[in-house]
Amino acid sequence: MNTRILKINTTLPTLEGSPKQIMWGAAIRNRFVSSCAFCFDIDWEGIQICLDQGLDVEAQELQKELDRKQAAMNRVLSIDSASFYIDNRNKSVEEILRQYMN
């Protein structure tokens, strides 16, 4: 269940915008990926703690939530607009992911 792999299920698209927007947007997108990895690592730790304590149902629920977050991350990473990343640069990873979770 707990593979500790950041699942990026999409090839990152080339960003669209002016050259400056593309450079800035790519840097922000890269920070977003790094921040996701950090946040997901915390989630994986929570899953492992639940499993270590025999809380399998809770671990399964946390895993489902993590799967939803990873799917949302992939939806965000499929966005090719540099301005999207620039416009959302001050939002937390959790805020952005919540917008794209179903």
Protein backbone atom coordinates (compact mmCIF):
# COMPACT_ATOMS: atom_id res chain seq x y z
CA MET A 1 0.00 0.00 0.00
CA ASN A 2 2.71 2.47 0.99
CA THR A 3 5.09 2.81 -1.95
CA ARG A 4 6.46 6.29 -1.18
CA ILE A 5 6.61 7.18 -4.85
CA LEU A 6 5.42 10.51 -6.17
CA LYS A 7 3.21 9.40 -9.05
CA ILE A 8 3.42 11.97 -11.83
CA ASN A 9 1.15 10.37 -14.41
CA THR A 10 1.61 12.98 -17.06
CA THR A 11 4.38 14.41 -19.15
CA LEU A 12 4.75 18.01 -18.12
CA PRO A 13 3.50 20.14 -20.97
CA THR A 14 5.49 22.98 -22.42
CA LEU A 15 4.23 26.12 -20.79
CA GLU A 16 2.61 28.82 -22.87
CA GLY A 17 3.14 32.55 -22.39
CA SER A 18 5.84 35.12 -22.93
CA PRO A 19 9.44 33.97 -22.48
CA LYS A 20 9.58 35.62 -19.03
CA GLN A 21 6.25 34.05 -18.01
CA ILE A 22 7.44 30.64 -19.17
CA MET A 23 10.66 30.87 -17.12
CA TRP A 24 8.83 32.13 -14.03
CA GLY A 25 5.94 29.68 -14.42
CA ALA A 26 8.33 26.72 -14.85
CA ALA A 27 10.20 27.68 -11.66
CA ILE A 28 6.91 27.91 -9.75
CA ARG A 29 5.71 24.59 -11.20
CA ASN A 30 8.97 22.92 -10.14
CA ARG A 31 8.52 24.26 -6.60
CA PHE A 32 4.95 22.95 -6.65
CA VAL A 33 6.21 19.44 -7.49
CA SER A 34 8.80 19.63 -4.71
CA SER A 35 6.18 20.87 -2.25
CA CYS A 36 3.83 18.06 -3.25
CA ALA A 37 6.59 15.53 -2.63
CA PHE A 38 7.18 16.98 0.84
CA CYS A 39 3.46 17.05 1.72
CA PHE A 40 2.89 13.56 0.38
CA ASP A 41 5.85 12.29 2.40
CA ILE A 42 4.08 13.52 5.53
CA ASP A 43 0.93 11.70 4.39
CA TRP A 44 2.93 8.51 3.80
CA GLU A 45 4.35 8.80 7.32
CA GLY A 46 0.81 9.04 8.70
CA ILE A 47 -0.18 5.93 6.77
CA GLN A 48 2.83 4.06 8.09
CA ILE A 49 2.05 5.09 11.68
CA CYS A 50 -1.51 3.81 11.27
CA LEU A 51 -0.25 0.53 9.83
CA ASP A 52 2.31 0.15 12.62
CA GLN A 53 -0.46 0.61 15.19
CA GLY A 54 -2.78 -1.85 13.46
CA LEU A 55 -5.16 0.87 12.30
CA ASP A 56 -5.70 -0.63 8.86
CA VAL A 57 -9.03 1.07 8.16
CA GLU A 58 -7.58 4.48 9.01
CA ALA A 59 -4.52 3.73 6.85
CA GLN A 60 -6.79 2.80 3.93
CA GLU A 61 -8.72 6.07 4.33
CA LEU A 62 -5.48 8.07 4.41
CA GLN A 63 -4.28 6.19 1.32
CA LYS A 64 -7.52 7.03 -0.54
CA GLU A 65 -7.04 10.70 0.35
CA LEU A 66 -3.42 10.57 -0.80
CA ASP A 67 -4.51 8.95 -4.09
CA ARG A 68 -7.03 11.78 -4.59
CA LYS A 69 -4.30 14.36 -3.89
CA GLN A 70 -1.96 12.69 -6.38
CA ALA A 71 -4.70 12.67 -9.03
CA ALA A 72 -5.33 16.37 -8.34
CA MET A 73 -1.60 17.07 -8.61
CA ASN A 74 -1.56 15.40 -12.03
CA ARG A 75 -4.52 17.52 -13.14
CA VAL A 76 -2.68 20.66 -12.03
CA LEU A 77 0.53 19.57 -13.74
CA SER A 78 -1.33 19.08 -17.02
CA ILE A 79 -2.06 22.83 -17.13
CA ASP A 80 0.07 24.46 -19.81
CA SER A 81 -0.55 28.10 -18.92
CA ALA A 82 2.45 29.77 -17.28
CA SER A 83 0.07 32.42 -15.95
CA PHE A 84 -1.82 29.73 -13.98
CA TYR A 85 1.29 28.99 -11.94
CA ILE A 86 2.14 32.68 -11.61
CA ASP A 87 -1.39 33.57 -10.51
CA ASN A 88 -1.41 30.76 -7.91
CA ARG A 89 2.15 31.18 -6.66
CA ASN A 90 1.08 32.39 -3.21
CA LYS A 91 -1.37 29.56 -2.57
CA SER A 92 -0.39 26.55 -0.52
CA VAL A 93 -0.14 23.13 -2.13
CA GLU A 94 -3.18 22.06 -0.12
CA GLU A 95 -5.23 25.00 -1.42
CA ILE A 96 -4.36 24.25 -5.02
CA LEU A 97 -4.93 20.51 -4.67
CA ARG A 98 -8.32 21.04 -2.99
CA GLN A 99 -9.46 23.02 -6.04
CA TYR A 100 -8.69 20.04 -8.29
CA MET A 101 -9.80 17.13 -6.11
CA ASN A 102 -13.10 15.43 -6.95
